[in-house]
Structure formats: structure tokens, C-alpha cells
Protein backbone atom coordinates (compact mmCIF):
# COMPACT_ATOMS: atom_id res chain seq x y z
CA MET A 1 -13.69 3.93 1.60
CA SER A 2 -13.97 1.51 -1.29
CA LEU A 3 -12.56 -1.89 -0.78
CA LEU A 4 -10.49 -2.73 -3.86
CA LEU A 5 -8.82 -5.82 -2.41
CA ASP A 6 -10.77 -8.96 -3.15
CA LEU A 7 -9.18 -12.29 -2.14
CA THR A 8 -11.85 -14.54 -3.57
CA ARG A 9 -9.56 -15.76 -6.45
CA ALA A 10 -6.50 -15.80 -4.30
CA ASN A 11 -8.21 -17.88 -1.73
CA GLU A 12 -9.18 -20.39 -4.43
CA PHE A 13 -5.65 -20.53 -5.66
CA ALA A 14 -4.08 -20.94 -2.13
CA GLN A 15 -4.48 -24.26 -0.36
CA GLU A 16 -3.95 -22.93 3.11
CA SER A 17 -3.59 -19.70 4.98
CA GLU A 18 0.16 -19.70 4.88
CA GLN A 19 -0.04 -19.85 1.06
CA LEU A 20 -2.45 -16.90 0.95
CA HIS A 21 -0.16 -14.91 3.25
CA GLN A 22 2.77 -15.70 0.89
CA LEU A 23 0.71 -14.72 -2.12
CA LEU A 24 -0.17 -11.38 -0.39
CA VAL A 25 3.50 -10.68 0.48
CA THR A 26 4.50 -11.25 -3.20
CA PHE A 27 1.56 -9.20 -4.40
CA GLU A 28 2.41 -6.22 -2.10
CA HIS A 29 6.00 -6.38 -3.29
CA SER A 30 5.14 -6.68 -7.02
CA LEU A 31 2.48 -3.98 -6.88
CA ALA A 32 4.77 -1.46 -5.13
CA GLN A 33 7.58 -2.33 -7.57
CA GLU A 34 5.42 -2.02 -10.73
CA LEU A 35 3.90 1.29 -9.52
CA LEU A 36 7.42 2.72 -9.13
CA GLU A 37 8.41 1.34 -12.57
CA LEU A 38 5.41 2.92 -14.14
CA GLU A 39 5.88 6.28 -12.49
CA SER A 40 9.48 6.34 -13.72
CA ALA A 41 8.50 5.11 -17.25
CA PHE A 42 5.88 7.75 -17.63
CA THR A 43 8.08 10.51 -16.17
CA ASN A 44 10.90 9.64 -18.49
CA GLY A 45 8.70 8.95 -21.58
CA ASN A 46 9.81 5.31 -21.84
CA LYS A 47 6.98 3.63 -23.64
CA GLN A 48 8.64 0.11 -23.63
CA LYS A 49 9.28 0.27 -19.89
CA ALA A 50 5.72 1.38 -19.22
CA GLU A 51 4.26 -1.44 -21.45
CA HIS A 52 6.50 -3.99 -19.68
CA ALA A 53 5.30 -2.88 -16.23
CA LEU A 54 1.69 -2.68 -17.38
CA HIS A 55 2.06 -6.30 -18.74
CA ALA A 56 3.35 -7.46 -15.30
CA LEU A 57 0.50 -5.59 -13.52
CA LYS A 58 -2.21 -7.07 -15.67
CA GLY A 59 -0.72 -10.53 -15.09
CA PHE A 60 -1.11 -10.62 -11.27
CA LEU A 61 -3.42 -7.81 -10.13
CA PRO A 62 -6.67 -9.41 -11.28
CA MET A 63 -6.14 -12.28 -8.77
CA PHE A 64 -6.51 -9.77 -5.90
CA THR A 65 -9.16 -7.41 -7.07
CA GLY A 66 -12.78 -7.48 -8.32
CA GLU A 67 -13.42 -8.25 -11.90
CA SER A 68 -14.20 -4.67 -12.81
CA PHE A 69 -10.89 -3.16 -11.57
CA GLY A 70 -8.94 -6.06 -12.92
CA ARG A 71 -10.48 -5.45 -16.33
CA LEU A 72 -9.45 -1.75 -16.25
CA ILE A 73 -5.77 -2.82 -15.90
CA ILE A 74 -6.04 -5.58 -18.56
CA ASP A 75 -7.72 -3.05 -20.92
CA LEU A 76 -5.10 -0.39 -20.07
CA TYR A 77 -2.26 -2.71 -21.08
CA ALA A 78 -3.97 -3.90 -24.27
CA ASN A 79 -4.72 -0.34 -25.35
CA SER A 80 -1.19 0.89 -24.47
CA ARG A 81 0.15 -1.08 -27.45
CA GLN A 82 -2.08 0.76 -29.97
CA GLN A 83 -2.61 4.22 -28.59
CA PRO A 84 -0.31 7.22 -28.15
CA PHE A 85 1.87 7.03 -25.07
CA GLU A 86 0.37 10.32 -23.63
CA VAL A 87 -3.14 8.74 -23.72
CA THR A 88 -1.80 5.68 -21.90
CA LYS A 89 -0.03 7.96 -19.28
CA SER A 90 -3.29 9.98 -18.79
CA GLN A 91 -5.44 6.80 -18.30
CA PHE A 92 -2.81 5.45 -15.89
CA THR A 93 -2.74 8.65 -13.90
CA THR A 94 -6.51 8.38 -13.30
CA LEU A 95 -5.91 4.87 -11.89
CA VAL A 96 -3.11 5.75 -9.53
CA PRO A 97 -5.24 6.74 -6.53
CA ASN A 98 -7.06 3.46 -6.70
CA LEU A 99 -3.78 1.57 -7.13
CA GLU A 100 -2.35 3.29 -4.12
CA LEU A 101 -5.54 2.56 -2.23
CA LEU A 102 -5.20 -1.18 -3.16
CA LEU A 103 -1.63 -1.21 -2.01
CA SER A 104 -2.74 0.29 1.35
CA GLN A 105 -5.43 -2.29 1.67
CA VAL A 106 -2.97 -5.12 0.92
CA ARG A 107 -0.59 -3.76 3.58
CA SER A 108 -3.46 -3.52 6.16
CA SER A 109 -4.44 -7.09 5.35
CA LEU A 110 -0.91 -8.32 5.83
CA ASN A 111 -0.68 -6.40 9.15
CA ALA A 112 -3.94 -8.14 10.33
CA LEU A 113 -2.66 -11.64 9.49
């Protein structure tokens, strides 16, 4: 199993373990929420809602992942504004397993704290 969760940047941001825990709690909630929003947006063909959720995701996800996965999300958002909706939907769909794995890893980390 690949480890997508990388707390290097989050640890640099947090001053103490309690702050890191709070960051992880917030990240878990936000990631779960944005995944639901994206699923709904792509199912219902709502380009604006999808772009909004991708914008939120690219804003916070890179703090909790390695640079390469964070870059995928940043690029997906940037490209979503210029490419056809179906292309963005297809690209997002390929990332869903990794995003779900990341969410699972965040939840495991929270349970371990």
C-alpha cells in the first residue's frame, strides 16, 4: 500500500502535537466534504460546483501529501478552467482511488493519535 499522507509540511506549520491533531481533524473533514461535493458536481454536470470544490481541495491537500500528488490536484484545478468538463471529470475519476486511500490514511493517523 502506498502512503499518500505526508505530514512534513503540516508538522512545520503546527507548533505542537495538539495543533497537528487539529489540522488533521480539519483536513479529514474537508477532504471528505470536498470528495462528496465533487462526486455530486460530476454526477450532476455542475462545472461551477466542481471547480469550486477542486479549488478548495488544491488549497489544503498539498499540506498533507507529497509534492507530486499535491501537484496533480493543483494541475487538475488549473486545467479544469480551460478544458472540457468531461475531461476534468475523467481526470478526477482516475484520482478517486488515491483520494479515498488518502482519506483512509488520515483516519488511521487520527485513530493512532
